[in-house]
């Protein structure tokens, strides 16, 4: 069995076997995300329906996809999506031929009067407050494309949801306070409301009412705070055949809200490196190399708070799944660095990275994650949009969302978030708590494949840290032979690290076999 097939089977088993709620533990998402299906149904039918968010003052009915993309504000979004569809078709024309190796997403569904985007989750991202202009971070309303009559499918556990999410990103607070003290107070108030929401025991309509009531976590959310839209669409799927394994491609895009034109305008994806242009433009590559290896920016890369200048970035990304553990399986940074998975003419040589690490050490820059060339390359990959979504995602998504349109939503076996999503909740809640207590938050994070430990034992022995299904590093067993960036990626007692072949030492934790 190929690497991709083995990994897909592992991930399928994982996604079906685990949820975020253990029998003896509080939900990991408490205080950082709202995933109660019946509460989301009420919120979707009320002030958090997409019509109320994007088209206020119109009829109080669900906004169909046809109506959504007919809005003047969405015209640039529709054009950009159409342009990228045509670009993708032109590139894969041969694969979209008679043998149907690639099955293209039915674009008619995207603009249909018979589909709509349904609220499938609300996520607190105060951990994004390191971004300039977002001093209190973000709140994200995540919508999933769904047939309007999906709830008539029958007694199936899940509805026939379509593989696209629309993420409405809002700044967590409104107008900026006039002084720093006012800003700290505003952020603390938002954080306290979310932490209080995490302690609520109500469900369904009662929970929705408490969340949206004056003083509730959602009370301060207003459409005036909209910053941008993020889209993730499964653009094509190649089913398994006698000649190749299955593969799915996802188109990812971002659209900033322009208040002057009142439209959403195509924008670069955060940290989505334009690798091809860098490798073909020596001057641009030299500028990027100098900028990134500066000790200040190297430290930001290590912490996961790096923001690469827009002139080095792309406005679209295609992320393919399943992605394995070897560098050659991941994008977009792999291929920029000399070594495993590198190109014939890499942008960074191993000595470049080694010298940068040595310079940072001489300046007493404390690097927690990047301790080797391999760590530098993997980190550069997972701070990008596509690289992150290829790491511990569920079919290209980190938040597929809850399915409240199912016949029995409270009994749904569909996991709303990916292993990466749930593994990051302890860190996010730590940051929200720091805001609530008036402390300076620590925004650093670990690799997308392995959550950062913050003194909490909440993830110990779980699939998110070192338990069954966790990502791990198979050590060589020889002094000095292990990669220093990953040698701590071990498995809990009774488990061992299994790799999917000899091409990589990255694997997953499974029960030891004799």
Protein backbone atom coordinates (compact mmCIF):
# COMPACT_ATOMS: atom_id res chain seq x y z
CA UNK A 1 0.00 0.00 0.00
CA UNK A 2 1.32 3.45 -0.90
CA UNK A 3 2.17 6.17 1.60
CA UNK A 4 -0.90 8.23 0.68
CA UNK A 5 -3.23 5.25 0.97
CA UNK A 6 -1.83 4.20 4.33
CA UNK A 7 -2.12 7.72 5.70
CA UNK A 8 -5.67 8.18 4.44
CA UNK A 9 -6.74 4.93 6.10
CA UNK A 10 -5.10 6.03 9.36
CA UNK A 11 -6.74 9.46 9.29
CA UNK A 12 -10.16 7.97 8.45
CA UNK A 13 -9.89 5.64 11.42
CA UNK A 14 -8.76 8.50 13.61
CA UNK A 15 -11.57 10.86 12.60
CA UNK A 16 -14.20 8.23 13.24
CA UNK A 17 -12.75 7.09 16.55
CA UNK A 18 -12.17 10.32 18.41
CA UNK A 19 -14.07 13.42 19.44
CA UNK A 20 -13.16 16.47 21.49
CA UNK A 21 -15.14 15.29 24.50
CA UNK A 22 -13.75 12.53 26.66
CA UNK A 23 -15.81 10.76 29.27
CA UNK A 24 -13.76 12.21 32.13
CA UNK A 25 -12.66 15.55 30.70
CA UNK A 26 -14.22 18.92 30.00
CA UNK A 27 -14.52 19.87 26.33
CA UNK A 28 -11.24 21.18 24.95
CA UNK A 29 -13.05 23.98 23.12
CA UNK A 30 -14.63 25.47 26.25
CA UNK A 31 -14.25 29.23 26.22
CA UNK A 32 -12.69 29.27 22.75
CA UNK A 33 -15.30 27.90 20.34
CA UNK A 34 -19.05 27.35 20.05
CA UNK A 35 -19.93 24.00 18.51
CA UNK A 36 -23.25 23.06 20.14
CA UNK A 37 -25.34 22.06 17.07
CA UNK A 38 -28.77 23.08 18.33
CA UNK A 39 -27.50 26.43 19.63
CA UNK A 40 -25.90 27.10 16.23
CA UNK A 41 -29.20 26.31 14.53
CA UNK A 42 -30.92 29.01 16.58
CA UNK A 43 -28.11 31.50 15.95
CA UNK A 44 -28.16 30.77 12.23
CA UNK A 45 -31.89 31.48 12.09
CA UNK A 46 -31.31 34.74 14.00
CA UNK A 47 -28.72 37.52 14.01
CA UNK A 48 -25.84 35.27 12.91
CA UNK A 49 -27.43 34.01 9.73
CA UNK A 50 -25.35 35.03 6.72
CA UNK A 51 -28.06 37.41 5.48
CA UNK A 52 -27.98 39.37 8.75
CA UNK A 53 -24.18 39.50 8.61
CA UNK A 54 -23.66 40.48 4.97
CA UNK A 55 -26.99 41.95 3.82
CA UNK A 56 -28.73 43.77 6.69
CA UNK A 57 -32.10 45.36 6.12
CA UNK A 58 -33.23 42.80 3.54
CA UNK A 59 -35.95 40.20 4.01
CA UNK A 60 -35.39 38.06 7.09
CA UNK A 61 -35.03 34.80 5.16
CA UNK A 62 -32.00 32.54 4.64
CA UNK A 63 -29.64 33.91 2.00
CA UNK A 64 -29.33 31.43 -0.88
CA UNK A 65 -26.02 31.03 -2.67
CA UNK A 66 -27.53 32.68 -5.75
CA UNK A 67 -28.54 35.70 -3.67
CA UNK A 68 -25.20 35.78 -1.85
CA UNK A 69 -23.12 36.03 -5.01
CA UNK A 70 -25.56 38.54 -6.49
CA UNK A 71 -24.66 41.03 -3.74
CA UNK A 72 -22.57 43.94 -5.00
CA UNK A 73 -20.06 43.35 -2.21
CA UNK A 74 -19.49 39.78 -3.45
CA UNK A 75 -18.94 40.58 -7.14
CA UNK A 76 -15.11 40.58 -6.82
CA UNK A 77 -15.31 37.29 -4.90
CA UNK A 78 -17.32 35.58 -7.64
CA UNK A 79 -14.98 36.86 -10.35
CA UNK A 80 -11.86 35.71 -8.51
CA UNK A 81 -13.33 32.25 -7.87
CA UNK A 82 -14.38 31.92 -11.51
CA UNK A 83 -10.93 33.01 -12.71
CA UNK A 84 -9.24 30.44 -10.50
CA UNK A 85 -11.63 27.72 -11.66
CA UNK A 86 -10.69 28.44 -15.26
CA UNK A 87 -7.01 28.56 -14.39
CA UNK A 88 -7.25 25.19 -12.62
CA UNK A 89 -9.15 23.60 -15.53
CA UNK A 90 -6.58 24.86 -18.03
CA UNK A 91 -3.72 23.44 -15.97
CA UNK A 92 -5.38 20.04 -15.46
CA UNK A 93 -7.11 19.78 -18.83
CA UNK A 94 -5.60 16.39 -19.63
CA UNK A 95 -6.60 14.95 -16.26
CA UNK A 96 -10.17 16.20 -16.72
CA UNK A 97 -10.50 14.23 -19.95
CA UNK A 98 -12.48 11.16 -20.93
CA UNK A 99 -11.21 8.92 -18.13
CA UNK A 100 -12.41 11.46 -15.50
CA UNK A 101 -9.22 11.08 -13.49
CA UNK A 102 -10.18 14.41 -11.89
CA UNK A 103 -13.78 15.17 -10.98
CA UNK A 104 -14.28 18.95 -10.87
CA UNK A 105 -16.51 20.60 -8.28
CA UNK A 106 -19.92 21.44 -9.74
CA UNK A 107 -19.71 25.23 -9.84
CA UNK A 108 -23.45 25.48 -10.38
CA UNK A 109 -23.89 24.37 -6.76
CA UNK A 110 -21.88 27.39 -5.61
CA UNK A 111 -24.23 29.88 -7.29
CA UNK A 112 -27.46 27.90 -6.93
CA UNK A 113 -30.78 29.05 -5.43
CA UNK A 114 -30.96 25.56 -3.90
CA UNK A 115 -27.89 25.87 -1.67
CA UNK A 116 -26.84 28.21 1.11
CA UNK A 117 -24.05 28.74 3.62
CA UNK A 118 -25.09 27.50 7.06
CA UNK A 119 -23.48 28.60 10.34
CA UNK A 120 -21.44 25.61 11.50
CA UNK A 121 -19.29 27.11 14.24
CA UNK A 122 -18.06 30.27 15.96
CA UNK A 123 -14.41 30.40 16.96
CA UNK A 124 -12.53 32.78 19.27
CA UNK A 125 -9.11 33.68 17.84
CA UNK A 126 -7.81 36.15 20.41
CA UNK A 127 -4.53 34.28 19.91
CA UNK A 128 -4.29 36.29 16.66
CA UNK A 129 -3.89 39.57 18.53
CA UNK A 130 -0.22 39.83 17.51
CA UNK A 131 -1.42 40.93 14.04
CA UNK A 132 -1.20 44.75 13.68
CA UNK A 133 -4.60 46.41 14.00
CA UNK A 134 -6.13 43.41 15.79
CA UNK A 135 -5.16 44.18 19.36
CA UNK A 136 -7.85 41.92 20.79
CA UNK A 137 -7.67 39.29 18.06
CA UNK A 138 -10.49 37.91 15.93
CA UNK A 139 -13.84 36.16 16.12
CA UNK A 140 -14.65 33.86 13.21
CA UNK A 141 -18.10 32.90 11.95
CA UNK A 142 -17.70 29.73 9.91
CA UNK A 143 -20.34 28.74 7.35
CA UNK A 144 -20.63 25.49 5.38
CA UNK A 145 -22.19 25.20 1.92
CA UNK A 146 -25.27 22.97 2.20
CA UNK A 147 -28.30 22.03 0.07
CA UNK A 148 -31.33 23.91 1.41
CA UNK A 149 -33.33 20.68 1.59
CA UNK A 150 -30.48 18.78 3.28
CA UNK A 151 -32.55 18.10 6.39
CA UNK A 152 -34.96 16.02 4.30
CA UNK A 153 -32.30 13.42 3.49
CA UNK A 154 -33.73 11.04 6.08
CA UNK A 155 -32.40 9.32 9.17
CA UNK A 156 -28.78 9.41 8.04
CA UNK A 157 -26.27 10.57 10.66
CA UNK A 158 -25.11 13.44 8.47
CA UNK A 159 -26.51 15.58 5.69
CA UNK A 160 -25.15 15.93 2.18
CA UNK A 161 -23.05 18.97 2.95
CA UNK A 162 -20.89 20.35 0.15
CA UNK A 163 -17.10 20.69 0.53
CA UNK A 164 -16.75 24.44 0.93
CA UNK A 165 -16.46 26.75 3.91
CA UNK A 166 -16.90 30.52 4.06
CA UNK A 167 -15.17 32.12 7.02
CA UNK A 168 -16.35 35.62 8.02
CA UNK A 169 -13.50 37.09 10.07
CA UNK A 170 -14.35 39.96 12.43
CA UNK A 171 -12.11 42.00 14.68
CA UNK A 172 -12.91 41.02 18.24
CA UNK A 173 -13.55 44.62 19.30
CA UNK A 174 -15.07 47.66 17.63
CA UNK A 175 -13.60 51.14 17.54
CA UNK A 176 -10.23 51.47 19.24
CA UNK A 177 -10.25 52.92 22.78
CA UNK A 178 -8.51 56.27 23.12
CA UNK A 179 -5.77 54.96 25.41
CA UNK A 180 -3.84 51.81 26.22
CA UNK A 181 -5.69 51.32 29.49
CA UNK A 182 -8.99 51.41 27.63
CA UNK A 183 -7.69 48.86 25.13
CA UNK A 184 -6.57 46.50 27.88
CA UNK A 185 -9.95 46.80 29.54
CA UNK A 186 -11.79 46.15 26.27
CA UNK A 187 -9.75 43.00 25.53
CA UNK A 188 -10.16 41.77 29.10
CA UNK A 189 -13.93 42.19 28.93
CA UNK A 190 -14.16 40.20 25.69
CA UNK A 191 -11.97 37.45 27.14
CA UNK A 192 -13.98 37.24 30.37
CA UNK A 193 -17.21 36.84 28.44
CA UNK A 194 -15.80 33.94 26.42
CA UNK A 195 -14.37 32.20 29.46
CA UNK A 196 -17.74 32.58 31.20
CA UNK A 197 -19.42 31.10 28.13
CA UNK A 198 -17.17 28.07 28.48
CA UNK A 199 -18.68 27.38 31.90
CA UNK A 200 -22.30 27.49 30.74
CA UNK A 201 -24.17 24.21 31.14
CA UNK A 202 -27.16 25.09 28.94
CA UNK A 203 -27.56 23.69 25.43
CA UNK A 204 -29.63 24.42 22.36
CA UNK A 205 -31.93 27.46 22.31
CA UNK A 206 -31.20 28.29 25.95
CA UNK A 207 -27.45 28.39 25.29
CA UNK A 208 -27.95 30.50 22.16
CA UNK A 209 -30.01 33.00 24.15
CA UNK A 210 -27.37 33.27 26.89
CA UNK A 211 -24.53 33.71 24.38
CA UNK A 212 -26.28 36.52 22.48
CA UNK A 213 -27.79 38.27 25.53
CA UNK A 214 -26.35 41.55 26.88
CA UNK A 215 -23.08 40.62 28.56
CA UNK A 216 -22.81 37.36 26.58
CA UNK A 217 -19.85 36.26 24.50
CA UNK A 218 -21.61 37.07 21.22
CA UNK A 219 -23.21 40.32 22.30
CA UNK A 220 -20.32 42.47 21.07
CA UNK A 221 -20.10 40.86 17.62
CA UNK A 222 -21.28 43.28 14.93
CA UNK A 223 -21.03 43.30 11.15
CA UNK A 224 -19.19 46.64 11.39
CA UNK A 225 -16.21 44.66 12.67
CA UNK A 226 -15.89 42.51 9.52
CA UNK A 227 -12.27 42.40 8.38
CA UNK A 228 -12.25 39.80 5.59
CA UNK A 229 -13.67 36.61 4.07
CA UNK A 230 -11.72 33.37 3.77
CA UNK A 231 -12.83 30.60 1.42
CA UNK A 232 -11.76 26.96 1.22
CA UNK A 233 -13.27 24.93 -1.63
CA UNK A 234 -12.66 21.33 -2.69
CA UNK A 235 -12.07 22.21 -6.33
CA UNK A 236 -11.42 18.67 -7.62
CA UNK A 237 -11.24 15.07 -6.53
CA UNK A 238 -9.40 12.15 -8.09
CA UNK A 239 -10.87 8.82 -6.91
CA UNK A 240 -8.64 5.84 -6.31
CA UNK A 241 -7.96 3.77 -9.40
CA UNK A 242 -5.70 0.84 -10.37
CA UNK A 243 -3.08 3.39 -11.47
CA UNK A 244 -3.18 6.03 -8.72
CA UNK A 245 -4.31 6.74 -5.17
CA UNK A 246 -7.13 9.15 -4.46
CA UNK A 247 -6.29 12.84 -4.24
CA UNK A 248 -8.29 15.94 -3.41
CA UNK A 249 -7.32 19.52 -4.26
CA UNK A 250 -8.56 22.52 -2.26
CA UNK A 251 -8.62 26.11 -3.51
CA UNK A 252 -7.94 28.62 -0.74
CA UNK A 253 -8.48 32.39 -1.06
CA UNK A 254 -8.79 35.54 1.10
CA UNK A 255 -10.81 38.72 0.44
CA UNK A 256 -10.27 41.87 2.52
CA UNK A 257 -13.25 44.15 3.13
CA UNK A 258 -12.76 47.55 1.51
CA UNK A 259 -15.05 50.08 3.28
CA UNK A 260 -14.56 52.66 0.51
CA UNK A 261 -16.05 50.44 -2.19
CA UNK A 262 -18.07 48.31 0.25
CA UNK A 263 -16.75 45.19 -1.47
CA UNK A 264 -14.56 42.21 -0.64
CA UNK A 265 -11.31 42.50 -2.57
CA UNK A 266 -8.93 39.64 -3.37
CA UNK A 267 -5.87 39.76 -1.09
CA UNK A 268 -2.66 37.76 -0.54
CA UNK A 269 -2.93 34.72 1.71
CA UNK A 270 -1.03 35.09 4.96
CA UNK A 271 2.50 33.65 4.63
CA UNK A 272 1.59 31.82 1.40
CA UNK A 273 5.00 31.99 -0.26
CA UNK A 274 5.15 32.43 -4.04
CA UNK A 275 7.77 29.74 -4.41
CA UNK A 276 7.86 29.65 -8.21
CA UNK A 277 8.38 33.40 -8.49
CA UNK A 278 11.09 33.37 -5.82
CA UNK A 279 12.95 30.59 -7.61
CA UNK A 280 12.75 32.43 -10.93
CA UNK A 281 13.52 35.99 -9.75
CA UNK A 282 17.02 36.20 -8.29
CA UNK A 283 16.58 39.74 -6.95
CA UNK A 284 13.31 38.97 -5.20
CA UNK A 285 14.74 35.73 -3.82
CA UNK A 286 17.74 37.57 -2.44
CA UNK A 287 15.51 40.11 -0.71
CA UNK A 288 13.34 37.37 0.82
CA UNK A 289 16.33 35.37 1.98
CA UNK A 290 17.92 38.40 3.65
CA UNK A 291 14.63 39.40 5.28
CA UNK A 292 13.73 35.96 6.62
CA UNK A 293 17.17 35.05 8.00
CA UNK A 294 17.37 38.28 10.00
CA UNK A 295 17.43 37.19 13.68
CA UNK A 296 14.29 39.21 14.48
CA UNK A 297 12.25 37.55 11.75
CA UNK A 298 13.78 34.14 12.43
CA UNK A 299 12.58 34.46 16.03
CA UNK A 300 9.08 35.38 14.80
CA UNK A 301 9.11 32.35 12.51
CA UNK A 302 10.12 30.17 15.45
CA UNK A 303 7.26 31.55 17.60
CA UNK A 304 4.72 31.18 14.80
CA UNK A 305 3.97 34.93 14.73
CA UNK A 306 5.78 35.72 11.48
CA UNK A 307 3.99 37.94 8.95
CA UNK A 308 5.76 37.78 5.59
CA UNK A 309 5.51 40.99 3.47
CA UNK A 310 2.86 40.82 0.74
CA UNK A 311 5.33 41.22 -2.14
CA UNK A 312 6.56 37.67 -1.51
CA UNK A 313 3.07 36.11 -1.38
CA UNK A 314 0.36 34.52 -3.53
CA UNK A 315 -3.34 35.38 -3.80
CA UNK A 316 -4.38 31.76 -4.28
CA UNK A 317 -3.27 28.37 -3.03
CA UNK A 318 -4.02 24.79 -4.00
CA UNK A 319 -3.59 22.41 -1.08
CA UNK A 320 -3.63 18.70 -1.89
CA UNK A 321 -4.58 15.87 0.44
CA UNK A 322 -3.75 13.38 1.70
CA UNK A 323 -0.33 14.76 2.56
CA UNK A 324 2.21 12.51 4.17
CA UNK A 325 5.01 13.20 6.61
CA UNK A 326 7.90 13.48 4.15
CA UNK A 327 8.93 16.99 3.05
CA UNK A 328 8.19 16.10 -0.59
CA UNK A 329 4.50 15.68 0.34
CA UNK A 330 4.09 19.21 1.72
CA UNK A 331 3.83 22.72 0.24
CA UNK A 332 4.74 25.50 -0.29
CA UNK A 333 8.04 25.98 1.56
CA UNK A 334 9.48 22.53 0.92
CA UNK A 335 11.66 22.82 -2.12
CA UNK A 336 13.09 26.15 -0.98
CA UNK A 337 15.61 24.55 1.36
CA UNK A 338 18.50 22.31 0.44
CA UNK A 339 18.19 18.76 1.69
CA UNK A 340 15.38 16.21 1.93
CA UNK A 341 12.56 17.34 -0.36
CA UNK A 342 14.70 20.16 -1.76
CA UNK A 343 14.99 21.33 -5.36
CA UNK A 344 17.95 21.30 -7.70
CA UNK A 345 18.49 25.03 -7.10
CA UNK A 346 17.11 25.76 -3.61
CA UNK A 347 16.76 29.28 -2.27
CA UNK A 348 18.25 28.38 1.13
CA UNK A 349 21.26 26.15 1.50
CA UNK A 350 21.77 24.08 4.63
CA UNK A 351 24.74 26.28 5.51
CA UNK A 352 22.57 29.42 5.15
CA UNK A 353 20.16 28.11 7.77
CA UNK A 354 22.94 26.83 10.02
CA UNK A 355 24.67 30.23 9.97
CA UNK A 356 21.39 32.01 10.73
CA UNK A 357 20.77 29.70 13.69
CA UNK A 358 24.30 30.29 14.96
CA UNK A 359 23.89 34.07 14.64
CA UNK A 360 20.60 33.94 16.56
CA UNK A 361 22.25 31.89 19.31
CA UNK A 362 25.13 34.39 19.55
CA UNK A 363 22.57 37.15 20.08
CA UNK A 364 20.84 35.08 22.81
CA UNK A 365 17.71 34.63 20.68
CA UNK A 366 15.83 31.77 22.33
CA UNK A 367 14.51 29.46 19.60
CA UNK A 368 12.05 26.86 20.90
CA UNK A 369 11.05 25.05 17.69
CA UNK A 370 13.63 25.70 14.97
CA UNK A 371 16.80 23.92 16.02
CA UNK A 372 17.84 22.43 12.68
CA UNK A 373 17.53 22.81 8.92
CA UNK A 374 14.60 20.38 8.99
CA UNK A 375 12.87 22.43 11.68
CA UNK A 376 13.35 25.63 9.67
CA UNK A 377 11.84 24.08 6.56
CA UNK A 378 8.88 22.46 8.30
CA UNK A 379 8.13 25.65 10.24
CA UNK A 380 8.27 27.76 7.07
CA UNK A 381 5.73 25.37 5.59
CA UNK A 382 3.24 25.24 8.45
CA UNK A 383 2.97 29.01 8.94
CA UNK A 384 1.47 29.15 5.43
CA UNK A 385 -2.23 28.64 4.76
CA UNK A 386 -1.88 25.54 2.59
CA UNK A 387 0.94 24.02 4.64
CA UNK A 388 -1.08 24.34 7.84
CA UNK A 389 -4.20 22.84 6.28
CA UNK A 390 -2.18 19.86 5.06
CA UNK A 391 -1.05 19.14 8.63
CA UNK A 392 -3.49 17.11 10.70
CA UNK A 393 -6.54 18.39 8.83
CA UNK A 394 -9.72 16.51 7.96
CA UNK A 395 -9.84 16.34 4.18
CA UNK A 396 -8.30 19.77 3.72
CA UNK A 397 -10.27 21.51 6.50
CA UNK A 398 -9.43 22.35 10.10
CA UNK A 399 -13.02 23.14 11.00
CA UNK A 400 -15.55 21.20 8.89
CA UNK A 401 -18.09 22.34 11.49
CA UNK A 402 -21.04 20.77 13.21
CA UNK A 403 -23.99 19.44 11.24
CA UNK A 404 -27.18 20.71 12.90
CA UNK A 405 -29.21 19.95 9.77
CA UNK A 406 -28.73 16.21 10.32
CA UNK A 407 -31.77 14.19 11.32
CA UNK A 408 -30.21 13.61 14.74
CA UNK A 409 -27.63 16.39 15.23
CA UNK A 410 -27.00 15.67 18.89
CA UNK A 411 -25.95 12.11 17.98
CA UNK A 412 -23.80 13.04 15.00
CA UNK A 413 -20.53 11.09 14.77
CA UNK A 414 -18.91 13.74 12.57
CA UNK A 415 -16.01 15.42 14.38
CA UNK A 416 -16.41 19.21 13.93
CA UNK A 417 -12.70 20.03 14.09
CA UNK A 418 -9.41 18.49 13.07
CA UNK A 419 -6.74 17.07 15.42
CA UNK A 420 -4.78 20.28 14.87
CA UNK A 421 -7.80 22.39 15.84
CA UNK A 422 -8.49 20.56 19.10
CA UNK A 423 -4.81 20.18 19.97
CA UNK A 424 -4.43 23.98 19.82
CA UNK A 425 -7.32 24.78 22.16
CA UNK A 426 -5.28 24.66 25.38
CA UNK A 427 -2.86 27.27 24.00
CA UNK A 428 -5.71 29.47 22.76
CA UNK A 429 -7.53 29.30 26.10
CA UNK A 430 -4.28 30.20 27.91
CA UNK A 431 -4.08 33.36 25.79
CA UNK A 432 -7.74 34.25 26.43
CA UNK A 433 -7.11 33.78 30.15
CA UNK A 434 -4.08 36.08 30.02
CA UNK A 435 -6.23 38.78 28.39
CA UNK A 436 -8.92 38.33 31.05
CA UNK A 437 -6.39 38.72 33.85
CA UNK A 438 -4.68 41.73 32.28
CA UNK A 439 -1.42 39.84 31.65
CA UNK A 440 0.72 40.02 28.51
CA UNK A 441 -0.24 36.94 26.43
CA UNK A 442 2.35 34.52 25.07
CA UNK A 443 1.38 34.13 21.39
CA UNK A 444 4.00 31.49 20.56
CA UNK A 445 2.88 28.12 19.23
CA UNK A 446 4.36 24.78 18.32
CA UNK A 447 4.37 23.08 14.94
CA UNK A 448 1.01 22.40 13.29
CA UNK A 449 1.70 18.68 13.71
CA UNK A 450 2.41 18.84 17.43
CA UNK A 451 0.79 21.26 19.95
CA UNK A 452 2.88 23.45 22.19
CA UNK A 453 2.96 22.40 25.83
CA UNK A 454 2.20 25.23 28.28
CA UNK A 455 2.49 23.55 31.65
CA UNK A 456 -0.91 21.88 31.29
CA UNK A 457 -1.23 18.10 31.37
CA UNK A 458 -4.64 18.25 29.71
CA UNK A 459 -3.36 16.77 26.43
CA UNK A 460 -1.01 14.16 27.94
CA UNK A 461 -1.72 10.68 26.64
CA UNK A 462 -4.18 11.96 24.03
CA UNK A 463 -4.04 11.74 20.26
CA UNK A 464 -3.26 15.46 20.25
CA UNK A 465 0.07 15.16 22.08
CA UNK A 466 1.68 11.73 22.55
CA UNK A 467 -1.20 9.23 22.60
CA UNK A 468 -2.58 6.91 19.94
CA UNK A 469 -2.59 8.70 16.58
CA UNK A 470 -0.26 11.54 17.64
CA UNK A 471 2.49 12.64 15.27
CA UNK A 472 5.93 11.50 16.36
CA UNK A 473 9.57 11.28 15.36
CA UNK A 474 11.32 7.91 15.09
CA UNK A 475 14.66 8.43 16.78
CA UNK A 476 17.85 6.94 15.34
CA UNK A 477 19.13 5.78 18.70
CA UNK A 478 22.64 7.09 17.99
CA UNK A 479 24.17 10.03 19.81
CA UNK A 480 23.90 13.20 17.74
CA UNK A 481 21.94 11.53 14.93
CA UNK A 482 18.47 12.80 15.85
CA UNK A 483 16.99 16.00 14.46
CA UNK A 484 17.01 18.44 17.37
CA UNK A 485 13.78 20.11 16.21
CA UNK A 486 11.77 16.89 16.58
CA UNK A 487 13.57 14.61 19.01
CA UNK A 488 11.01 15.50 21.69
CA UNK A 489 8.14 14.15 19.58
CA UNK A 490 7.88 10.88 21.50
CA UNK A 491 4.98 8.55 22.26
CA UNK A 492 3.36 7.76 25.60
CA UNK A 493 4.19 4.60 27.48
CA UNK A 494 2.96 1.49 25.71
CA UNK A 495 3.05 3.17 22.29
CA UNK A 496 5.74 3.37 19.65
CA UNK A 497 6.37 5.56 16.62
CA UNK A 498 5.45 3.90 13.31
CA UNK A 499 6.46 5.49 10.00
CA UNK A 500 4.92 4.87 6.59
CA UNK A 501 8.15 3.75 4.94
CA UNK A 502 11.85 4.53 4.93
CA UNK A 503 11.59 7.95 3.29
CA UNK A 504 10.85 9.79 6.53
CA UNK A 505 11.31 9.48 10.28
CA UNK A 506 8.00 11.23 10.91
CA UNK A 507 5.18 8.89 11.89
CA UNK A 508 2.25 8.27 14.24
CA UNK A 509 2.02 6.70 17.68
CA UNK A 510 0.50 3.21 17.77
CA UNK A 511 0.42 0.28 20.18
CA UNK A 512 3.68 -1.63 20.28
CA UNK A 513 3.72 -4.90 18.37
CA UNK A 514 5.97 -7.80 19.13
